[in-house]
C-alpha atoms as a PDB file:
ATOM      1  CA  MET A   1     -27.023  44.848  61.520  1.00  0.00           C
ATOM      2  CA  VAL A   2     -23.638  45.288  59.922  1.00  0.00           C
ATOM      3  CA  ASP A   3     -21.995  48.701  60.013  1.00  0.00           C
ATOM      4  CA  MET A   4     -21.490  49.622  56.343  1.00  0.00           C
ATOM      5  CA  ASP A   5     -18.892  52.268  57.237  1.00  0.00           C
ATOM      6  CA  LYS A   6     -16.717  49.558  58.788  1.00  0.00           C
ATOM      7  CA  LEU A   7     -17.422  47.082  56.004  1.00  0.00           C
ATOM      8  CA  ALA A   8     -16.604  49.374  53.060  1.00  0.00           C
ATOM      9  CA  PRO A   9     -12.793  49.576  53.612  1.00  0.00           C
ATOM     10  CA  LEU A  10     -12.613  45.787  53.859  1.00  0.00           C
ATOM     11  CA  THR A  11     -14.221  45.216  50.462  1.00  0.00           C
ATOM     12  CA  GLU A  12     -11.948  47.359  48.283  1.00  0.00           C
ATOM     13  CA  TYR A  13     -10.204  44.288  46.817  1.00  0.00           C
ATOM     14  CA  TYR A  14     -13.412  42.509  45.808  1.00  0.00           C
ATOM     15  CA  ALA A  15     -13.266  43.797  42.217  1.00  0.00           C
ATOM     16  CA  PRO A  16      -9.661  42.793  41.342  1.00  0.00           C
ATOM     17  CA  ILE A  17     -10.007  39.390  43.003  1.00  0.00           C
ATOM     18  CA  THR A  18     -13.284  38.735  41.203  1.00  0.00           C
ATOM     19  CA  LEU A  19     -11.713  39.803  37.906  1.00  0.00           C
ATOM     20  CA  PHE A  20      -8.761  37.492  38.563  1.00  0.00           C
ATOM     21  CA  SER A  21     -11.122  34.567  39.197  1.00  0.00           C
ATOM     22  CA  PHE A  22     -13.053  35.468  36.049  1.00  0.00           C
ATOM     23  CA  CYS A  23      -9.879  35.369  33.938  1.00  0.00           C
ATOM     24  CA  LEU A  24      -8.773  32.040  35.394  1.00  0.00           C
ATOM     25  CA  SER A  25     -12.227  30.520  34.903  1.00  0.00           C
ATOM     26  CA  THR A  26     -12.344  31.737  31.304  1.00  0.00           C
ATOM     27  CA  THR A  27      -8.903  30.308  30.569  1.00  0.00           C
ATOM     28  CA  LEU A  28      -9.785  26.915  32.013  1.00  0.00           C
ATOM     29  CA  PHE A  29     -13.159  26.918  30.235  1.00  0.00           C
ATOM     30  CA  VAL A  30     -11.425  27.465  26.880  1.00  0.00           C
ATOM     31  CA  PHE A  31      -8.843  24.778  27.692  1.00  0.00           C
ATOM     32  CA  ILE A  32     -11.472  22.167  28.592  1.00  0.00           C
ATOM     33  CA  LEU A  33     -13.586  23.093  25.567  1.00  0.00           C
ATOM     34  CA  ILE A  34     -10.615  22.696  23.196  1.00  0.00           C
ATOM     35  CA  THR A  35      -9.594  19.337  24.678  1.00  0.00           C
ATOM     36  CA  ARG A  36     -13.160  18.096  24.333  1.00  0.00           C
ATOM     37  CA  LEU A  37     -13.477  19.261  20.731  1.00  0.00           C
ATOM     38  CA  MET A  38     -10.129  17.651  19.890  1.00  0.00           C
ATOM     39  CA  ARG A  39     -11.312  14.397  21.490  1.00  0.00           C
ATOM     40  CA  PHE A  40      -8.515  13.848  23.970  1.00  0.00           C
ATOM     41  CA  LYS A  41      -8.928  10.568  25.810  1.00  0.00           C
ATOM     42  CA  ALA A  42      -8.937  12.144  29.265  1.00  0.00           C
ATOM     43  CA  ALA A  43     -11.640  14.601  28.173  1.00  0.00           C
ATOM     44  CA  LYS A  44     -14.139  11.761  27.794  1.00  0.00           C
ATOM     45  CA  ARG A  45     -14.547  11.278  31.547  1.00  0.00           C
ATOM     46  CA  LEU A  46     -17.809  12.453  33.061  1.00  0.00           C
ATOM     47  CA  ASN A  47     -16.262  14.577  35.815  1.00  0.00           C
ATOM     48  CA  TYR A  48     -14.051  16.291  33.237  1.00  0.00           C
ATOM     49  CA  LYS A  49     -17.065  17.021  31.036  1.00  0.00           C
ATOM     50  CA  LEU A  50     -19.055  18.471  33.925  1.00  0.00           C
ATOM     51  CA  TYR A  51     -16.165  20.727  34.859  1.00  0.00           C
ATOM     52  CA  LEU A  52     -16.754  22.586  31.591  1.00  0.00           C
ATOM     53  CA  TRP A  53     -20.151  23.702  32.914  1.00  0.00           C
ATOM     54  CA  THR A  54     -18.692  24.509  36.323  1.00  0.00           C
ATOM     55  CA  MET A  55     -16.211  26.880  34.690  1.00  0.00           C
ATOM     56  CA  LEU A  56     -18.967  28.458  32.595  1.00  0.00           C
ATOM     57  CA  LEU A  57     -20.970  29.172  35.748  1.00  0.00           C
ATOM     58  CA  ASP A  58     -17.880  30.575  37.465  1.00  0.00           C
ATOM     59  CA  MET A  59     -17.369  32.891  34.494  1.00  0.00           C
ATOM     60  CA  ILE A  60     -20.960  34.109  34.774  1.00  0.00           C
ATOM     61  CA  ASN A  61     -20.826  34.546  38.547  1.00  0.00           C
ATOM     62  CA  HIS A  62     -17.503  36.397  38.399  1.00  0.00           C
ATOM     63  CA  PHE A  63     -18.378  38.552  35.409  1.00  0.00           C
ATOM     64  CA  PRO A  64     -17.312  42.098  36.386  1.00  0.00           C
ATOM     65  CA  LEU A  65     -20.293  44.463  36.622  1.00  0.00           C
ATOM     66  CA  GLN A  66     -19.328  48.069  35.965  1.00  0.00           C
ATOM     67  CA  PHE A  67     -22.654  49.774  36.680  1.00  0.00           C
ATOM     68  CA  ASP A  68     -24.878  50.450  39.681  1.00  0.00           C
ATOM     69  CA  LEU A  69     -27.844  48.085  39.567  1.00  0.00           C
ATOM     70  CA  GLU A  70     -29.526  49.430  42.673  1.00  0.00           C
ATOM     71  CA  GLU A  71     -30.664  52.548  40.830  1.00  0.00           C
ATOM     72  CA  ASN A  72     -32.618  50.361  38.402  1.00  0.00           C
ATOM     73  CA  LEU A  73     -35.346  48.258  40.079  1.00  0.00           C
ATOM     74  CA  PRO A  74     -35.983  45.841  37.144  1.00  0.00           C
ATOM     75  CA  GLY A  75     -32.250  45.468  36.559  1.00  0.00           C
ATOM     76  CA  CYS A  76     -31.607  44.851  40.245  1.00  0.00           C
ATOM     77  CA  ARG A  77     -34.332  42.208  40.419  1.00  0.00           C
ATOM     78  CA  ALA A  78     -33.112  40.500  37.270  1.00  0.00           C
ATOM     79  CA  PHE A  79     -29.554  40.436  38.613  1.00  0.00           C
ATOM     80  CA  MET A  80     -30.612  39.059  41.998  1.00  0.00           C
ATOM     81  CA  LEU A  81     -32.779  36.341  40.441  1.00  0.00           C
ATOM     82  CA  LEU A  82     -30.156  35.260  37.922  1.00  0.00           C
ATOM     83  CA  ASN A  83     -27.363  35.402  40.483  1.00  0.00           C
ATOM     84  CA  ASN A  84     -29.379  33.275  42.900  1.00  0.00           C
ATOM     85  CA  TRP A  85     -30.319  30.813  40.149  1.00  0.00           C
ATOM     86  CA  PHE A  86     -26.746  30.469  38.857  1.00  0.00           C
ATOM     87  CA  ASN A  87     -25.487  29.894  42.396  1.00  0.00           C
ATOM     88  CA  PHE A  88     -28.000  27.099  42.864  1.00  0.00           C
ATOM     89  CA  VAL A  89     -27.076  25.559  39.496  1.00  0.00           C
ATOM     90  CA  SER A  90     -23.405  25.591  40.492  1.00  0.00           C
ATOM     91  CA  VAL A  91     -24.096  23.955  43.854  1.00  0.00           C
ATOM     92  CA  CYS A  92     -26.396  21.377  42.231  1.00  0.00           C
ATOM     93  CA  ILE A  93     -23.692  20.429  39.713  1.00  0.00           C
ATOM     94  CA  ASN A  94     -21.198  19.981  42.542  1.00  0.00           C
ATOM     95  CA  ALA A  95     -23.762  17.897  44.418  1.00  0.00           C
ATOM     96  CA  SER A  96     -24.227  15.794  41.260  1.00  0.00           C
ATOM     97  CA  LEU A  97     -20.468  15.290  41.050  1.00  0.00           C
ATOM     98  CA  ALA A  98     -20.500  14.247  44.691  1.00  0.00           C
ATOM     99  CA  TYR A  99     -23.371  11.846  43.953  1.00  0.00           C
ATOM    100  CA  ASN A 100     -21.474  10.191  41.090  1.00  0.00           C
ATOM    101  CA  ILE A 101     -18.380   9.860  43.280  1.00  0.00           C
ATOM    102  CA  HIS A 102     -20.546   8.434  46.056  1.00  0.00           C
ATOM    103  CA  MET A 103     -22.059   5.814  43.738  1.00  0.00           C
ATOM    104  CA  VAL A 104     -18.818   4.742  42.045  1.00  0.00           C
ATOM    105  CA  PHE A 105     -16.119   5.128  44.655  1.00  0.00           C
ATOM    106  CA  ILE A 106     -17.970   4.543  47.922  1.00  0.00           C
ATOM    107  CA  LEU A 107     -20.874   2.218  47.035  1.00  0.00           C
ATOM    108  CA  ASN A 108     -19.311   0.621  43.926  1.00  0.00           C
ATOM    109  CA  LYS A 109     -22.503   1.071  41.874  1.00  0.00           C
ATOM    110  CA  PRO A 110     -21.341   2.669  38.602  1.00  0.00           C
ATOM    111  CA  LYS A 111     -24.634   1.890  36.838  1.00  0.00           C
ATOM    112  CA  ARG A 112     -26.425   4.381  39.090  1.00  0.00           C
ATOM    113  CA  THR A 113     -24.329   7.364  38.014  1.00  0.00           C
ATOM    114  CA  MET A 114     -25.840  10.155  35.932  1.00  0.00           C
ATOM    115  CA  THR A 115     -24.772  11.074  32.404  1.00  0.00           C
ATOM    116  CA  GLU A 116     -23.687  14.590  31.480  1.00  0.00           C
ATOM    117  CA  LEU A 117     -27.090  15.433  29.969  1.00  0.00           C
ATOM    118  CA  ARG A 118     -29.010  13.977  32.886  1.00  0.00           C
ATOM    119  CA  THR A 119     -26.790  15.763  35.381  1.00  0.00           C
ATOM    120  CA  MET A 120     -27.276  19.131  33.697  1.00  0.00           C
ATOM    121  CA  LEU A 121     -31.043  18.687  33.363  1.00  0.00           C
ATOM    122  CA  THR A 122     -31.252  17.687  37.026  1.00  0.00           C
ATOM    123  CA  ALA A 123     -29.129  20.656  38.116  1.00  0.00           C
ATOM    124  CA  LEU A 124     -31.131  23.145  36.036  1.00  0.00           C
ATOM    125  CA  GLY A 125     -34.451  21.716  37.202  1.00  0.00           C
ATOM    126  CA  CYS A 126     -33.492  21.639  40.880  1.00  0.00           C
ATOM    127  CA  ALA A 127     -32.053  25.156  40.725  1.00  0.00           C
ATOM    128  CA  THR A 128     -35.263  26.466  39.144  1.00  0.00           C
ATOM    129  CA  ILE A 129     -37.435  24.854  41.820  1.00  0.00           C
ATOM    130  CA  LEU A 130     -35.197  26.043  44.671  1.00  0.00           C
ATOM    131  CA  THR A 131     -35.213  29.608  43.322  1.00  0.00           C
ATOM    132  CA  ILE A 132     -39.033  29.919  43.311  1.00  0.00           C
ATOM    133  CA  PRO A 133     -39.411  31.018  46.996  1.00  0.00           C
ATOM    134  CA  PHE A 134     -36.707  33.676  46.594  1.00  0.00           C
ATOM    135  CA  THR A 135     -38.296  34.874  43.348  1.00  0.00           C
ATOM    136  CA  ILE A 136     -41.709  35.309  44.959  1.00  0.00           C
ATOM    137  CA  SER A 137     -40.219  37.159  47.932  1.00  0.00           C
ATOM    138  CA  LEU A 138     -38.195  39.472  45.688  1.00  0.00           C
ATOM    139  CA  LEU A 139     -41.128  40.347  43.432  1.00  0.00           C
ATOM    140  CA  LEU A 140     -43.363  41.137  46.419  1.00  0.00           C
ATOM    141  CA  ASP A 141     -40.761  43.556  47.824  1.00  0.00           C
ATOM    142  CA  SER A 142     -41.116  47.126  46.556  1.00  0.00           C
ATOM    143  CA  THR A 143     -37.361  47.726  46.865  1.00  0.00           C
ATOM    144  CA  CYS A 144     -34.269  45.878  45.735  1.00  0.00           C
ATOM    145  CA  THR A 145     -30.704  45.980  47.016  1.00  0.00           C
ATOM    146  CA  ILE A 146     -27.697  43.883  46.108  1.00  0.00           C
ATOM    147  CA  MET A 147     -27.038  43.178  49.797  1.00  0.00           C
ATOM    148  CA  ILE A 148     -30.166  41.967  51.600  1.00  0.00           C
ATOM    149  CA  PHE A 149     -30.237  42.104  55.387  1.00  0.00           C
ATOM    150  CA  TYR A 150     -32.700  40.329  57.673  1.00  0.00           C
ATOM    151  CA  HIS A 151     -33.115  40.874  61.405  1.00  0.00           C
ATOM    152  CA  GLY A 152     -34.091  38.731  64.380  1.00  0.00           C
ATOM    153  CA  TRP A 153     -35.412  35.207  64.503  1.00  0.00           C
ATOM    154  CA  GLN A 154     -38.141  36.028  62.006  1.00  0.00           C
ATOM    155  CA  GLY A 155     -35.532  37.295  59.573  1.00  0.00           C
ATOM    156  CA  LEU A 156     -33.401  34.202  60.176  1.00  0.00           C
ATOM    157  CA  LEU A 157     -36.319  31.917  59.364  1.00  0.00           C
ATOM    158  CA  LYS A 158     -36.916  33.925  56.201  1.00  0.00           C
ATOM    159  CA  VAL A 159     -33.347  33.790  54.934  1.00  0.00           C
ATOM    160  CA  MET A 160     -33.022  30.104  55.801  1.00  0.00           C
ATOM    161  CA  GLY A 161     -36.326  29.321  54.138  1.00  0.00           C
ATOM    162  CA  LEU A 162     -35.469  31.249  50.977  1.00  0.00           C
ATOM    163  CA  VAL A 163     -31.939  30.001  50.357  1.00  0.00           C
ATOM    164  CA  GLY A 164     -30.215  28.831  53.535  1.00  0.00           C
ATOM    165  CA  ILE A 165     -31.741  25.386  54.059  1.00  0.00           C
ATOM    166  CA  SER A 166     -31.302  24.347  50.435  1.00  0.00           C
ATOM    167  CA  LEU A 167     -27.681  25.486  50.337  1.00  0.00           C
ATOM    168  CA  PHE A 168     -27.013  23.866  53.704  1.00  0.00           C
ATOM    169  CA  LEU A 169     -28.406  20.463  52.677  1.00  0.00           C
ATOM    170  CA  LEU A 170     -26.629  20.371  49.308  1.00  0.00           C
ATOM    171  CA  THR A 171     -23.361  21.599  50.782  1.00  0.00           C
ATOM    172  CA  THR A 172     -23.571  19.171  53.699  1.00  0.00           C
ATOM    173  CA  TYR A 173     -24.004  16.280  51.281  1.00  0.00           C
ATOM    174  CA  CYS A 174     -20.865  17.429  49.445  1.00  0.00           C
ATOM    175  CA  LEU A 175     -19.036  17.608  52.776  1.00  0.00           C
ATOM    176  CA  ILE A 176     -20.148  14.092  53.742  1.00  0.00           C
ATOM    177  CA  VAL A 177     -18.917  12.671  50.433  1.00  0.00           C
ATOM    178  CA  PHE A 178     -15.629  14.550  50.861  1.00  0.00           C
ATOM    179  CA  LEU A 179     -15.130  13.027  54.314  1.00  0.00           C
ATOM    180  CA  MET A 180     -15.978   9.509  53.098  1.00  0.00           C
ATOM    181  CA  VAL A 181     -13.534   9.755  50.201  1.00  0.00           C
ATOM    182  CA  ALA A 182     -10.848  11.231  52.467  1.00  0.00           C
ATOM    183  CA  ARG A 183     -11.354   8.407  54.949  1.00  0.00           C
ATOM    184  CA  LYS A 184     -11.038   5.818  52.203  1.00  0.00           C
ATOM    185  CA  LEU A 185      -7.907   7.540  50.930  1.00  0.00           C
ATOM    186  CA  LEU A 186      -6.281   7.478  54.352  1.00  0.00           C
ATOM    187  CA  PHE A 187      -7.374   4.131  55.767  1.00  0.00           C
ATOM    188  CA  HIS A 188      -8.587   1.779  53.048  1.00  0.00           C
ATOM    189  CA  LYS A 189      -6.222  -1.163  52.592  1.00  0.00           C
ATOM    190  CA  HIS A 190      -6.740  -1.447  48.818  1.00  0.00           C
ATOM    191  CA  VAL A 191      -5.300   1.988  48.110  1.00  0.00           C
ATOM    192  CA  ASP A 192      -1.749   0.656  48.611  1.00  0.00           C
ATOM    193  CA  SER A 193      -2.423  -2.844  47.309  1.00  0.00           C
ATOM    194  CA  HIS A 194      -0.708  -2.251  43.957  1.00  0.00           C
ATOM    195  CA  ASN A 195       2.823  -3.446  43.409  1.00  0.00           C
ATOM    196  CA  SER A 196       3.808  -0.488  41.271  1.00  0.00           C
ATOM    197  CA  LYS A 197       4.761   2.740  43.010  1.00  0.00           C
ATOM    198  CA  LEU A 198       3.668   4.597  39.889  1.00  0.00           C
ATOM    199  CA  THR A 199       0.236   2.980  40.097  1.00  0.00           C
ATOM    200  CA  ASN A 200      -0.034   3.860  43.781  1.00  0.00           C
ATOM    201  CA  LYS A 201       0.859   7.469  42.993  1.00  0.00           C
ATOM    202  CA  TYR A 202      -1.754   7.640  40.232  1.00  0.00           C
ATOM    203  CA  VAL A 203      -4.455   6.103  42.442  1.00  0.00           C
ATOM    204  CA  ARG A 204      -3.719   8.521  45.264  1.00  0.00           C
ATOM    205  CA  ARG A 205      -3.746  11.461  42.863  1.00  0.00           C
ATOM    206  CA  LEU A 206      -7.093  10.302  41.491  1.00  0.00           C
ATOM    207  CA  ILE A 207      -8.607   9.877  44.946  1.00  0.00           C
ATOM    208  CA  LEU A 208      -7.243  13.255  46.052  1.00  0.00           C
ATOM    209  CA  ARG A 209      -8.939  14.822  43.045  1.00  0.00           C
ATOM    210  CA  LEU A 210     -12.185  13.085  43.999  1.00  0.00           C
ATOM    211  CA  CYS A 211     -11.864  14.646  47.448  1.00  0.00           C
ATOM    212  CA  LEU A 212     -11.485  18.119  46.001  1.00  0.00           C
ATOM    213  CA  TYR A 213     -14.482  17.980  43.654  1.00  0.00           C
ATOM    214  CA  PRO A 214     -17.167  18.481  46.331  1.00  0.00           C
ATOM    215  CA  ILE A 215     -15.167  20.696  48.696  1.00  0.00           C
ATOM    216  CA  VAL A 216     -15.531  24.010  46.807  1.00  0.00           C
ATOM    217  CA  PRO A 217     -19.193  24.605  47.770  1.00  0.00           C
ATOM    218  CA  VAL A 218     -18.271  23.771  51.364  1.00  0.00           C
ATOM    219  CA  ILE A 219     -15.588  26.487  51.341  1.00  0.00           C
ATOM    220  CA  ALA A 220     -17.916  29.004  49.714  1.00  0.00           C
ATOM    221  CA  TRP A 221     -21.342  28.413  51.247  1.00  0.00           C
ATOM    222  CA  TYR A 222     -20.753  27.293  54.824  1.00  0.00           C
ATOM    223  CA  PRO A 223     -19.268  30.712  55.654  1.00  0.00           C
ATOM    224  CA  TYR A 224     -22.242  32.319  53.861  1.00  0.00           C
ATOM    225  CA  ILE A 225     -24.726  30.426  56.040  1.00  0.00           C
ATOM    226  CA  THR A 226     -22.704  31.109  59.192  1.00  0.00           C
ATOM    227  CA  VAL A 227     -22.460  34.834  58.458  1.00  0.00           C
ATOM    228  CA  ALA A 228     -26.185  34.999  57.681  1.00  0.00           C
ATOM    229  CA  ILE A 229     -27.006  33.519  61.092  1.00  0.00           C
ATOM    230  CA  VAL A 230     -24.535  35.712  63.003  1.00  0.00           C
ATOM    231  CA  ASP A 231     -25.578  38.903  61.224  1.00  0.00           C
ATOM    232  CA  THR A 232     -29.321  38.258  61.405  1.00  0.00           C
ATOM    233  CA  LEU A 233     -29.236  37.519  65.123  1.00  0.00           C
ATOM    234  CA  ASP A 234     -26.572  40.186  65.799  1.00  0.00           C
ATOM    235  CA  LEU A 235     -24.377  37.703  67.650  1.00  0.00           C
ATOM    236  CA  SER A 236     -21.018  39.436  67.168  1.00  0.00           C
ATOM    237  CA  PRO A 237     -19.751  43.029  67.069  1.00  0.00           C
ATOM    238  CA  HIS A 238     -17.214  41.927  64.437  1.00  0.00           C
ATOM    239  CA  VAL A 239     -19.735  40.665  61.916  1.00  0.00           C
ATOM    240  CA  HIS A 240     -18.412  43.121  59.310  1.00  0.00           C
ATOM    241  CA  ILE A 241     -15.101  41.226  59.317  1.00  0.00           C
ATOM    242  CA  MET A 242     -16.926  37.925  58.874  1.00  0.00           C
ATOM    243  CA  ILE A 243     -18.948  39.334  55.969  1.00  0.00           C
ATOM    244  CA  ALA A 244     -15.773  40.623  54.318  1.00  0.00           C
ATOM    245  CA  ILE A 245     -14.056  37.229  54.643  1.00  0.00           C
ATOM    246  CA  GLN A 246     -17.134  35.472  53.284  1.00  0.00           C
ATOM    247  CA  GLY A 247     -17.194  37.879  50.351  1.00  0.00           C
ATOM    248  CA  TYR A 248     -13.559  37.159  49.527  1.00  0.00           C
ATOM    249  CA  LEU A 249     -14.192  33.415  49.652  1.00  0.00           C
ATOM    250  CA  THR A 250     -17.104  33.838  47.251  1.00  0.00           C
ATOM    251  CA  SER A 251     -14.907  35.927  44.954  1.00  0.00           C
ATOM    252  CA  LEU A 252     -12.313  33.140  44.929  1.00  0.00           C
ATOM    253  CA  ILE A 253     -14.624  30.270  43.936  1.00  0.00           C
ATOM    254  CA  GLY A 254     -13.329  30.280  40.363  1.00  0.00           C
ATOM    255  CA  THR A 255      -9.734  30.392  41.581  1.00  0.00           C
ATOM    256  CA  PHE A 256     -10.326  27.453  43.924  1.00  0.00           C
ATOM    257  CA  ASN A 257     -11.870  25.426  41.099  1.00  0.00           C
ATOM    258  CA  VAL A 258      -8.910  26.124  38.817  1.00  0.00           C
ATOM    259  CA  ILE A 259      -6.352  25.218  41.510  1.00  0.00           C
ATOM    260  CA  PHE A 260      -8.154  21.993  42.375  1.00  0.00           C
ATOM    261  CA  PHE A 261      -8.406  21.110  38.684  1.00  0.00           C
ATOM    262  CA  LEU A 262      -4.601  21.030  38.499  1.00  0.00           C
ATOM    263  CA  PHE A 263      -4.669  17.956  40.760  1.00  0.00           C
ATOM    264  CA  ASP A 264      -6.749  16.048  38.210  1.00  0.00           C
ATOM    265  CA  PRO A 265      -4.870  13.095  36.643  1.00  0.00           C
ATOM    266  CA  ALA A 266      -6.325  14.245  33.323  1.00  0.00           C
ATOM    267  CA  VAL A 267      -3.874  17.169  33.242  1.00  0.00           C
ATOM    268  CA  PRO A 268      -0.631  15.132  32.898  1.00  0.00           C
ATOM    269  CA  GLU A 269      -2.456  12.682  30.617  1.00  0.00           C
ATOM    270  CA  ILE A 270      -3.447  15.482  28.251  1.00  0.00           C
ATOM    271  CA  TYR A 271       0.094  16.864  28.405  1.00  0.00           C
ATOM    272  CA  GLN A 272       1.519  13.496  27.377  1.00  0.00           C
ATOM    273  CA  GLU A 273      -1.052  13.131  24.607  1.00  0.00           C
ATOM    274  CA  VAL A 274      -0.194  16.594  23.268  1.00  0.00           C
ATOM    275  CA  LYS A 275       3.497  15.643  23.196  1.00  0.00           C
ATOM    276  CA  SER A 276       2.662  12.390  21.458  1.00  0.00           C
ATOM    277  CA  ARG A 277       0.396  14.022  18.885  1.00  0.00           C
ATOM    278  CA  TYR A 278       2.252  17.170  17.949  1.00  0.00           C
ATOM    279  CA  PHE A 279       5.823  17.186  19.238  1.00  0.00           C
ATOM    280  CA  SER A 280       7.178  13.666  18.758  1.00  0.00           C
ATOM    281  CA  LYS A 281       9.361  13.440  15.658  1.00  0.00           C
ATOM    282  CA  LYS A 282       8.383  10.585  13.406  1.00  0.00           C
ATOM    283  CA  ARG A 283      11.632   8.915  12.391  1.00  0.00           C
ATOM    284  CA  ASP A 284      12.218   7.072   9.150  1.00  0.00           C
ATOM    285  CA  SER A 285      11.887   3.380   9.905  1.00  0.00           C
ATOM    286  CA  THR A 286      14.922   2.443   7.808  1.00  0.00           C
ATOM    287  CA  VAL A 287      18.442   3.797   7.666  1.00  0.00           C
ATOM    288  CA  ASN A 288      20.790   3.189   4.748  1.00  0.00           C
ATOM    289  CA  LEU A 289      23.964   1.965   6.411  1.00  0.00           C
ATOM    290  CA  THR A 290      26.280   1.188   3.486  1.00  0.00           C
ATOM    291  CA  ASP A 291      26.363   0.389  -0.217  1.00  0.00           C
ATOM    292  CA  PHE A 292      28.316  -2.458  -1.790  1.00  0.00           C
ATOM    293  CA  ASP A 293      29.955  -2.824  -5.154  1.00  0.00           C
ATOM    294  CA  TYR A 294      28.346  -5.342  -7.409  1.00  0.00           C
ATOM    295  CA  LYS A 295      30.100  -7.316 -10.162  1.00  0.00           C
ATOM    296  CA  ASP A 296      28.616  -6.247 -13.466  1.00  0.00           C
ATOM    297  CA  THR A 297      27.508  -8.572 -16.175  1.00  0.00           C
ATOM    298  CA  ASP A 298      28.486  -7.726 -19.772  1.00  0.00           C
ATOM    299  CA  GLU A 299      25.069  -6.129 -20.357  1.00  0.00           C
ATOM    300  CA  GLN A 300      25.295  -4.043 -17.156  1.00  0.00           C
ATOM    301  CA  ALA A 301      28.834  -2.944 -18.064  1.00  0.00           C
ATOM    302  CA  ASN A 302      27.591  -1.573 -21.380  1.00  0.00           C
ATOM    303  CA  ASN A 303      24.483  -0.024 -19.747  1.00  0.00           C
ATOM    304  CA  PRO A 304      25.291   1.411 -16.241  1.00  0.00           C
ATOM    305  CA  ASP A 305      21.651   2.385 -15.673  1.00  0.00           C
ATOM    306  CA  LYS A 306      20.783  -1.292 -15.319  1.00  0.00           C
ATOM    307  CA  ARG A 307      23.370  -1.786 -12.583  1.00  0.00           C
ATOM    308  CA  PRO A 308      21.651  -2.681  -9.253  1.00  0.00           C
ATOM    309  CA  GLU A 309      22.892  -1.455  -5.903  1.00  0.00           C
ATOM    310  CA  ILE A 310      22.838  -3.544  -2.769  1.00  0.00           C
ATOM    311  CA  ALA A 311      22.161  -1.835   0.559  1.00  0.00           C
ATOM    312  CA  ILE A 312      21.798  -2.947   4.146  1.00  0.00           C
ATOM    313  CA  THR A 313      18.946  -1.304   6.008  1.00  0.00           C
ATOM    314  CA  TYR A 314      18.220  -1.255   9.717  1.00  0.00           C
ATOM    315  CA  ASP A 315      14.604  -1.201  10.853  1.00  0.00           C
ATOM    316  CA  LEU A 316      14.261   1.173  13.834  1.00  0.00           C
ATOM    317  CA  GLN A 317      10.703   0.113  14.584  1.00  0.00           C
ATOM    318  CA  LYS A 318      11.492  -3.539  15.332  1.00  0.00           C
ATOM    319  CA  SER A 319      13.039  -4.892  18.489  1.00  0.00           C
ATOM    320  CA  ASP A 320      13.477  -8.489  17.356  1.00  0.00           C
ATOM    321  CA  ASP A 321      17.212  -9.069  16.881  1.00  0.00           C
ATOM    322  CA  THR A 322      16.606 -11.537  14.048  1.00  0.00           C
ATOM    323  CA  ASN A 323      14.731  -8.956  11.981  1.00  0.00           C
ATOM    324  CA  ASN A 324      16.786  -5.849  12.536  1.00  0.00           C
ATOM    325  CA  PHE A 325      18.883  -6.142   9.404  1.00  0.00           C
ATOM    326  CA  ASN A 326      17.490  -6.463   5.908  1.00  0.00           C
ATOM    327  CA  ILE A 327      19.373  -6.761   2.637  1.00  0.00           C
ATOM    328  CA  LYS A 328      17.622  -5.503  -0.464  1.00  0.00           C
ATOM    329  CA  ILE A 329      18.342  -4.356  -4.004  1.00  0.00           C
ATOM    330  CA  VAL A 330      17.637  -0.643  -4.478  1.00  0.00           C
END
């Protein structure tokens, strides 16, 4: 069992790091929401749409709690259930992203991908089912603590049965997809088959982003499973350090998601579209170069208002040399 006296000094930065991740997740959530509402082209991609829900879950998971839940049994139970459920929803969404990448990029079967609605319904349904064993166990326990400790092989079987196996399988699938995409990025001959260096750069950036989509749950939950095994079986005298590191990784999930989002090709595309929409100056298509005198008739000499003016205009929008100059009466 972990020594809480040794663990406490190592967790003093949990709150500021969690708050930092919360702020980043909120900022990115607002950004993605605005780009979707304003119908940017890059915001129409499925992975981009699903990232909106990932950021929402990160905001919820990183929301700073400023009160002691352990003194309130119903509040503690509600927090534990919701926290567990939101974690499962987040992992299921990442697994769904990995599935879509697997179908499109690895197996070349785009028709088998899931839509945004189907993905969310699947994630919510799977998370609800996977949370049932933990819910039953929590309600049968007369006490509730934010940090739950199990001991021995019996405790290990309990923790793995409640949450560990499900997290392990979903996270392992994400890891497998990550490795397959990384392998294709490094060794597949078609990645460098384009003649354009710009195209090659874009393709590599896209594939790199595909690699990063499923890696966040691997970073967050593999240490959680490892620490649970080590702590439950009391395999190391330094388990408090492992728990502290795992806690920091969990606190940084939102930060990791934001950093990895910056590698998405959608980011420079949206930047260019913003420049095109709002900051490019629309020039007048014609420029008056010079005016010419015109020989008046007798009527025009008596009435100057009827005198026409001849001007040469240059059309800036046309590139055809034969159509650049136009002569007209103005």
